[in-house]
Amino acid sequence: METLSARVIVNLTKYPRGEPETSWVISLDSLGISVEEAMAELQTLTWMAGKQYPVMSSLNSRLGIHNWGASSSFVEFVLDMSAGGLGGLSATAIDTAVRDLFSRFRSRARSDEWGALISEEDALSVARSRISTQYSVAVEDLAVQRAEADASDQSHSFGFSHPDGRSFGAVVGIVKDSPTCMRIWREGPESAA
């Protein structure tokens, strides 16, 4: 079966099955490689620390078919990695490695192009919605602390504060005219006290 759409999520957690501190997300119109190849590419991220063994991680894939007027197939990959097993790797090094991997996926996908920069208001709505879903916080409780547009990267970056002391962030870009939250993160305790 040829996969017509793909979504890849990489979560960085403090411990297995924990709430992600950071999530990177990419949606593609097509995968362009086999599921096995994609799994192998994602598995390379677990060896980033250069150790004898991979970091604690869980890698899952799911295949499916949508039948809503027309049939199409999809695949989703989710890689959860423990931040504790990454040694002294900085957030910047991890972010760079994930961006490089996502660039490779995007270059192999067919007809998947970045669209024009969307409005800050639309990007803000996408960021708030994704953070609300991922971290179970009310959208109206996310106060904007920082908003930046990057025309060369065709993305918006946001920082939010929450009344319980946590802070959140998101990077929103656009793929094929569809706003996509490409990275979100949380700082502070996992849940409200």
C-alpha atoms as a PDB file:
ATOM      1  CA  MET A   1       0.000   0.000   0.000  1.00  0.00           C
ATOM      2  CA  GLU A   2       1.362   3.415  -0.941  1.00  0.00           C
ATOM      3  CA  THR A   3       1.159   5.890   1.908  1.00  0.00           C
ATOM      4  CA  LEU A   4      -0.333   9.177   0.788  1.00  0.00           C
ATOM      5  CA  SER A   5       0.249  11.173   3.953  1.00  0.00           C
ATOM      6  CA  ALA A   6       2.600  10.906   6.898  1.00  0.00           C
ATOM      7  CA  ARG A   7       3.032  12.537  10.278  1.00  0.00           C
ATOM      8  CA  VAL A   8       6.199  12.250  12.352  1.00  0.00           C
ATOM      9  CA  ILE A   9       6.340  13.242  16.024  1.00  0.00           C
ATOM     10  CA  VAL A  10       9.478  13.244  18.172  1.00  0.00           C
ATOM     11  CA  ASN A  11       8.862  13.772  21.907  1.00  0.00           C
ATOM     12  CA  LEU A  12      11.560  14.521  24.465  1.00  0.00           C
ATOM     13  CA  THR A  13      10.499  13.481  27.978  1.00  0.00           C
ATOM     14  CA  LYS A  14      12.193  13.363  31.386  1.00  0.00           C
ATOM     15  CA  TYR A  15      11.330   9.680  31.748  1.00  0.00           C
ATOM     16  CA  PRO A  16       9.485   7.028  29.702  1.00  0.00           C
ATOM     17  CA  ARG A  17       5.764   7.753  29.233  1.00  0.00           C
ATOM     18  CA  GLY A  18       6.185  11.197  30.814  1.00  0.00           C
ATOM     19  CA  GLU A  19       4.624  14.385  29.492  1.00  0.00           C
ATOM     20  CA  PRO A  20       6.853  15.709  26.686  1.00  0.00           C
ATOM     21  CA  GLU A  21       9.067  18.666  27.500  1.00  0.00           C
ATOM     22  CA  THR A  22       9.464  19.240  23.751  1.00  0.00           C
ATOM     23  CA  SER A  23       7.656  17.846  20.706  1.00  0.00           C
ATOM     24  CA  TRP A  24       8.700  18.228  17.077  1.00  0.00           C
ATOM     25  CA  VAL A  25       6.027  17.543  14.456  1.00  0.00           C
ATOM     26  CA  ILE A  26       6.091  17.322  10.686  1.00  0.00           C
ATOM     27  CA  SER A  27       3.222  16.420   8.377  1.00  0.00           C
ATOM     28  CA  LEU A  28       3.964  15.351   4.824  1.00  0.00           C
ATOM     29  CA  ASP A  29       1.725  14.818   1.811  1.00  0.00           C
ATOM     30  CA  SER A  30       3.640  11.630   1.106  1.00  0.00           C
ATOM     31  CA  LEU A  31       6.332   9.663   2.871  1.00  0.00           C
ATOM     32  CA  GLY A  32       8.542   8.865  -0.127  1.00  0.00           C
ATOM     33  CA  ILE A  33      10.284   5.998   1.729  1.00  0.00           C
ATOM     34  CA  SER A  34       9.175   2.706   3.229  1.00  0.00           C
ATOM     35  CA  VAL A  35       7.911   2.468   6.783  1.00  0.00           C
ATOM     36  CA  GLU A  36      10.980   0.388   7.661  1.00  0.00           C
ATOM     37  CA  GLU A  37      13.348   3.067   6.295  1.00  0.00           C
ATOM     38  CA  ALA A  38      11.521   5.789   8.219  1.00  0.00           C
ATOM     39  CA  MET A  39      11.726   3.732  11.436  1.00  0.00           C
ATOM     40  CA  ALA A  40      15.480   3.231  10.888  1.00  0.00           C
ATOM     41  CA  GLU A  41      15.976   6.991  10.319  1.00  0.00           C
ATOM     42  CA  LEU A  42      14.100   7.806  13.520  1.00  0.00           C
ATOM     43  CA  GLN A  43      16.055   5.177  15.445  1.00  0.00           C
ATOM     44  CA  THR A  44      19.303   7.041  14.621  1.00  0.00           C
ATOM     45  CA  LEU A  45      18.153   9.869  16.916  1.00  0.00           C
ATOM     46  CA  THR A  46      18.333   7.521  19.910  1.00  0.00           C
ATOM     47  CA  TRP A  47      22.088   7.040  19.353  1.00  0.00           C
ATOM     48  CA  MET A  48      22.915  10.772  19.353  1.00  0.00           C
ATOM     49  CA  ALA A  49      24.756  10.690  22.638  1.00  0.00           C
ATOM     50  CA  GLY A  50      27.453   8.508  21.036  1.00  0.00           C
ATOM     51  CA  LYS A  51      27.140   5.853  23.713  1.00  0.00           C
ATOM     52  CA  GLN A  52      27.372   2.093  23.463  1.00  0.00           C
ATOM     53  CA  TYR A  53      23.581   1.763  23.789  1.00  0.00           C
ATOM     54  CA  PRO A  54      20.678   3.908  22.590  1.00  0.00           C
ATOM     55  CA  VAL A  55      18.887   6.203  25.032  1.00  0.00           C
ATOM     56  CA  MET A  56      15.647   5.054  26.631  1.00  0.00           C
ATOM     57  CA  SER A  57      13.058   5.426  23.925  1.00  0.00           C
ATOM     58  CA  SER A  58       9.884   4.092  22.411  1.00  0.00           C
ATOM     59  CA  LEU A  59       9.258   4.167  18.665  1.00  0.00           C
ATOM     60  CA  ASN A  60       5.813   3.348  17.304  1.00  0.00           C
ATOM     61  CA  SER A  61       4.197   3.487  13.894  1.00  0.00           C
ATOM     62  CA  ARG A  62       0.604   3.186  12.869  1.00  0.00           C
ATOM     63  CA  LEU A  63      -0.824   2.658   9.396  1.00  0.00           C
ATOM     64  CA  GLY A  64      -4.391   3.455   8.458  1.00  0.00           C
ATOM     65  CA  ILE A  65      -6.888   4.241   5.755  1.00  0.00           C
ATOM     66  CA  HIS A  66      -9.285   7.191   5.698  1.00  0.00           C
ATOM     67  CA  ASN A  67     -12.583   6.653   3.879  1.00  0.00           C
ATOM     68  CA  TRP A  68     -14.344  10.019   3.940  1.00  0.00           C
ATOM     69  CA  GLY A  69     -15.696  10.346   0.409  1.00  0.00           C
ATOM     70  CA  ALA A  70     -12.375   9.240  -1.042  1.00  0.00           C
ATOM     71  CA  SER A  71      -9.919   6.697   0.262  1.00  0.00           C
ATOM     72  CA  SER A  72      -6.395   7.587   1.278  1.00  0.00           C
ATOM     73  CA  SER A  73      -3.785   5.910   3.401  1.00  0.00           C
ATOM     74  CA  PHE A  74      -1.700   7.445   6.153  1.00  0.00           C
ATOM     75  CA  VAL A  75       1.142   6.559   8.467  1.00  0.00           C
ATOM     76  CA  GLU A  76       2.097   8.110  11.797  1.00  0.00           C
ATOM     77  CA  PHE A  77       5.381   7.686  13.653  1.00  0.00           C
ATOM     78  CA  VAL A  78       5.906   8.639  17.297  1.00  0.00           C
ATOM     79  CA  LEU A  79       9.365   8.558  18.890  1.00  0.00           C
ATOM     80  CA  ASP A  80       9.530   9.217  22.644  1.00  0.00           C
ATOM     81  CA  MET A  81      13.071   9.732  23.977  1.00  0.00           C
ATOM     82  CA  SER A  82      14.179  10.211  27.580  1.00  0.00           C
ATOM     83  CA  ALA A  83      16.082  13.453  28.110  1.00  0.00           C
ATOM     84  CA  GLY A  84      17.919  11.851  31.033  1.00  0.00           C
ATOM     85  CA  GLY A  85      19.691   9.437  28.707  1.00  0.00           C
ATOM     86  CA  LEU A  86      21.030  12.089  26.356  1.00  0.00           C
ATOM     87  CA  GLY A  87      24.025  12.944  28.510  1.00  0.00           C
ATOM     88  CA  GLY A  88      25.351  16.462  28.035  1.00  0.00           C
ATOM     89  CA  LEU A  89      23.640  17.107  24.719  1.00  0.00           C
ATOM     90  CA  SER A  90      22.164  20.573  24.627  1.00  0.00           C
ATOM     91  CA  ALA A  91      18.642  21.420  23.508  1.00  0.00           C
ATOM     92  CA  THR A  92      20.217  23.109  20.487  1.00  0.00           C
ATOM     93  CA  ALA A  93      22.035  19.910  19.450  1.00  0.00           C
ATOM     94  CA  ILE A  94      18.862  17.851  19.770  1.00  0.00           C
ATOM     95  CA  ASP A  95      16.821  20.463  17.893  1.00  0.00           C
ATOM     96  CA  THR A  96      19.411  20.528  15.093  1.00  0.00           C
ATOM     97  CA  ALA A  97      19.428  16.725  14.795  1.00  0.00           C
ATOM     98  CA  VAL A  98      15.620  16.581  14.588  1.00  0.00           C
ATOM     99  CA  ARG A  99      15.506  19.435  12.038  1.00  0.00           C
ATOM    100  CA  ASP A 100      18.116  17.618   9.897  1.00  0.00           C
ATOM    101  CA  LEU A 101      16.094  14.419  10.024  1.00  0.00           C
ATOM    102  CA  PHE A 102      12.872  16.250   9.150  1.00  0.00           C
ATOM    103  CA  SER A 103      14.663  17.953   6.231  1.00  0.00           C
ATOM    104  CA  ARG A 104      15.668  14.526   4.902  1.00  0.00           C
ATOM    105  CA  PHE A 105      12.072  13.303   5.212  1.00  0.00           C
ATOM    106  CA  ARG A 106      10.772  16.432   3.492  1.00  0.00           C
ATOM    107  CA  SER A 107      13.300  16.167   0.634  1.00  0.00           C
ATOM    108  CA  ARG A 108      12.206  12.585  -0.080  1.00  0.00           C
ATOM    109  CA  ALA A 109       8.479  13.346   0.057  1.00  0.00           C
ATOM    110  CA  ARG A 110       6.760  14.052  -3.217  1.00  0.00           C
ATOM    111  CA  SER A 111       5.144  17.452  -3.891  1.00  0.00           C
ATOM    112  CA  ASP A 112       5.592  18.687  -0.347  1.00  0.00           C
ATOM    113  CA  GLU A 113       6.521  22.354  -0.350  1.00  0.00           C
ATOM    114  CA  TRP A 114       6.502  25.047   2.289  1.00  0.00           C
ATOM    115  CA  GLY A 115       3.911  27.707   1.634  1.00  0.00           C
ATOM    116  CA  ALA A 116       4.030  31.448   2.226  1.00  0.00           C
ATOM    117  CA  LEU A 117       4.280  32.924   5.712  1.00  0.00           C
ATOM    118  CA  ILE A 118       0.842  33.047   7.348  1.00  0.00           C
ATOM    119  CA  SER A 119      -0.493  35.827   9.541  1.00  0.00           C
ATOM    120  CA  GLU A 120       0.644  36.037  13.147  1.00  0.00           C
ATOM    121  CA  GLU A 121      -2.977  35.753  14.286  1.00  0.00           C
ATOM    122  CA  ASP A 122      -3.498  32.456  12.414  1.00  0.00           C
ATOM    123  CA  ALA A 123      -0.164  31.069  13.616  1.00  0.00           C
ATOM    124  CA  LEU A 124      -0.985  32.085  17.193  1.00  0.00           C
ATOM    125  CA  SER A 125      -4.297  30.233  17.023  1.00  0.00           C
ATOM    126  CA  VAL A 126      -2.570  27.053  15.787  1.00  0.00           C
ATOM    127  CA  ALA A 127       0.111  27.304  18.513  1.00  0.00           C
ATOM    128  CA  ARG A 128      -2.387  27.802  21.330  1.00  0.00           C
ATOM    129  CA  SER A 129      -4.579  24.943  20.112  1.00  0.00           C
ATOM    130  CA  ARG A 130      -1.661  22.481  19.861  1.00  0.00           C
ATOM    131  CA  ILE A 131      -0.270  23.422  23.296  1.00  0.00           C
ATOM    132  CA  SER A 132      -3.737  23.144  24.815  1.00  0.00           C
ATOM    133  CA  THR A 133      -4.171  19.660  23.366  1.00  0.00           C
ATOM    134  CA  GLN A 134      -0.669  18.412  24.234  1.00  0.00           C
ATOM    135  CA  TYR A 135      -0.463  19.767  27.781  1.00  0.00           C
ATOM    136  CA  SER A 136      -4.152  19.943  28.845  1.00  0.00           C
ATOM    137  CA  VAL A 137      -4.220  23.687  29.512  1.00  0.00           C
ATOM    138  CA  ALA A 138      -6.980  26.141  28.676  1.00  0.00           C
ATOM    139  CA  VAL A 139      -6.269  28.237  25.575  1.00  0.00           C
ATOM    140  CA  GLU A 140      -7.360  31.413  27.358  1.00  0.00           C
ATOM    141  CA  ASP A 141      -4.752  30.802  30.106  1.00  0.00           C
ATOM    142  CA  LEU A 142      -1.847  31.058  27.636  1.00  0.00           C
ATOM    143  CA  ALA A 143      -0.562  34.642  27.794  1.00  0.00           C
ATOM    144  CA  VAL A 144       1.738  35.657  24.929  1.00  0.00           C
ATOM    145  CA  GLN A 145       5.190  36.681  26.182  1.00  0.00           C
ATOM    146  CA  ARG A 146       7.053  36.609  22.880  1.00  0.00           C
ATOM    147  CA  ALA A 147       6.071  36.587  19.201  1.00  0.00           C
ATOM    148  CA  GLU A 148       8.623  36.547  16.370  1.00  0.00           C
ATOM    149  CA  ALA A 149       8.292  35.998  12.628  1.00  0.00           C
ATOM    150  CA  ASP A 150      11.081  34.453  10.560  1.00  0.00           C
ATOM    151  CA  ALA A 151      10.443  35.227   6.882  1.00  0.00           C
ATOM    152  CA  SER A 152      13.424  33.172   5.677  1.00  0.00           C
ATOM    153  CA  ASP A 153      12.211  30.070   7.543  1.00  0.00           C
ATOM    154  CA  GLN A 154       8.557  30.988   6.844  1.00  0.00           C
ATOM    155  CA  SER A 155       7.610  30.442  10.462  1.00  0.00           C
ATOM    156  CA  HIS A 156       6.382  32.141  13.622  1.00  0.00           C
ATOM    157  CA  SER A 157       7.805  31.494  17.089  1.00  0.00           C
ATOM    158  CA  PHE A 158       5.834  32.136  20.290  1.00  0.00           C
ATOM    159  CA  GLY A 159       6.464  32.060  24.024  1.00  0.00           C
ATOM    160  CA  PHE A 160       3.586  31.818  26.513  1.00  0.00           C
ATOM    161  CA  SER A 161       3.237  32.037  30.271  1.00  0.00           C
ATOM    162  CA  HIS A 162       0.616  30.172  32.302  1.00  0.00           C
ATOM    163  CA  PRO A 163      -0.887  31.174  35.687  1.00  0.00           C
ATOM    164  CA  ASP A 164       0.487  27.996  37.352  1.00  0.00           C
ATOM    165  CA  GLY A 165       4.089  29.076  36.652  1.00  0.00           C
ATOM    166  CA  ARG A 166       4.757  26.949  33.613  1.00  0.00           C
ATOM    167  CA  SER A 167       5.867  28.456  30.319  1.00  0.00           C
ATOM    168  CA  PHE A 168       5.269  27.083  26.852  1.00  0.00           C
ATOM    169  CA  GLY A 169       6.578  27.727  23.372  1.00  0.00           C
ATOM    170  CA  ALA A 170       5.714  26.876  19.798  1.00  0.00           C
ATOM    171  CA  VAL A 171       7.064  27.236  16.278  1.00  0.00           C
ATOM    172  CA  VAL A 172       4.404  27.332  13.551  1.00  0.00           C
ATOM    173  CA  GLY A 173       5.097  27.078   9.830  1.00  0.00           C
ATOM    174  CA  ILE A 174       2.982  26.277   6.811  1.00  0.00           C
ATOM    175  CA  VAL A 175       3.073  23.245   4.551  1.00  0.00           C
ATOM    176  CA  LYS A 176       0.958  23.207   1.382  1.00  0.00           C
ATOM    177  CA  ASP A 177      -1.246  26.068   2.650  1.00  0.00           C
ATOM    178  CA  SER A 178      -1.870  24.285   5.946  1.00  0.00           C
ATOM    179  CA  PRO A 179      -0.564  25.877   9.191  1.00  0.00           C
ATOM    180  CA  THR A 180       1.500  23.288  11.063  1.00  0.00           C
ATOM    181  CA  CYS A 181       2.861  23.391  14.603  1.00  0.00           C
ATOM    182  CA  MET A 182       6.378  22.095  13.993  1.00  0.00           C
ATOM    183  CA  ARG A 183       7.723  22.276  17.547  1.00  0.00           C
ATOM    184  CA  ILE A 184       6.195  22.853  20.980  1.00  0.00           C
ATOM    185  CA  TRP A 185       7.765  22.795  24.424  1.00  0.00           C
ATOM    186  CA  ARG A 186       7.056  23.190  28.119  1.00  0.00           C
ATOM    187  CA  GLU A 187       9.182  24.483  30.959  1.00  0.00           C
ATOM    188  CA  GLY A 188       8.278  24.060  34.599  1.00  0.00           C
ATOM    189  CA  PRO A 189       6.442  21.303  36.444  1.00  0.00           C
ATOM    190  CA  GLU A 190       4.555  18.601  34.511  1.00  0.00           C
ATOM    191  CA  SER A 191       1.189  19.435  35.991  1.00  0.00           C
ATOM    192  CA  ALA A 192      -0.364  22.173  38.070  1.00  0.00           C
ATOM    193  CA  ALA A 193       0.152  21.866  41.819  1.00  0.00           C
END
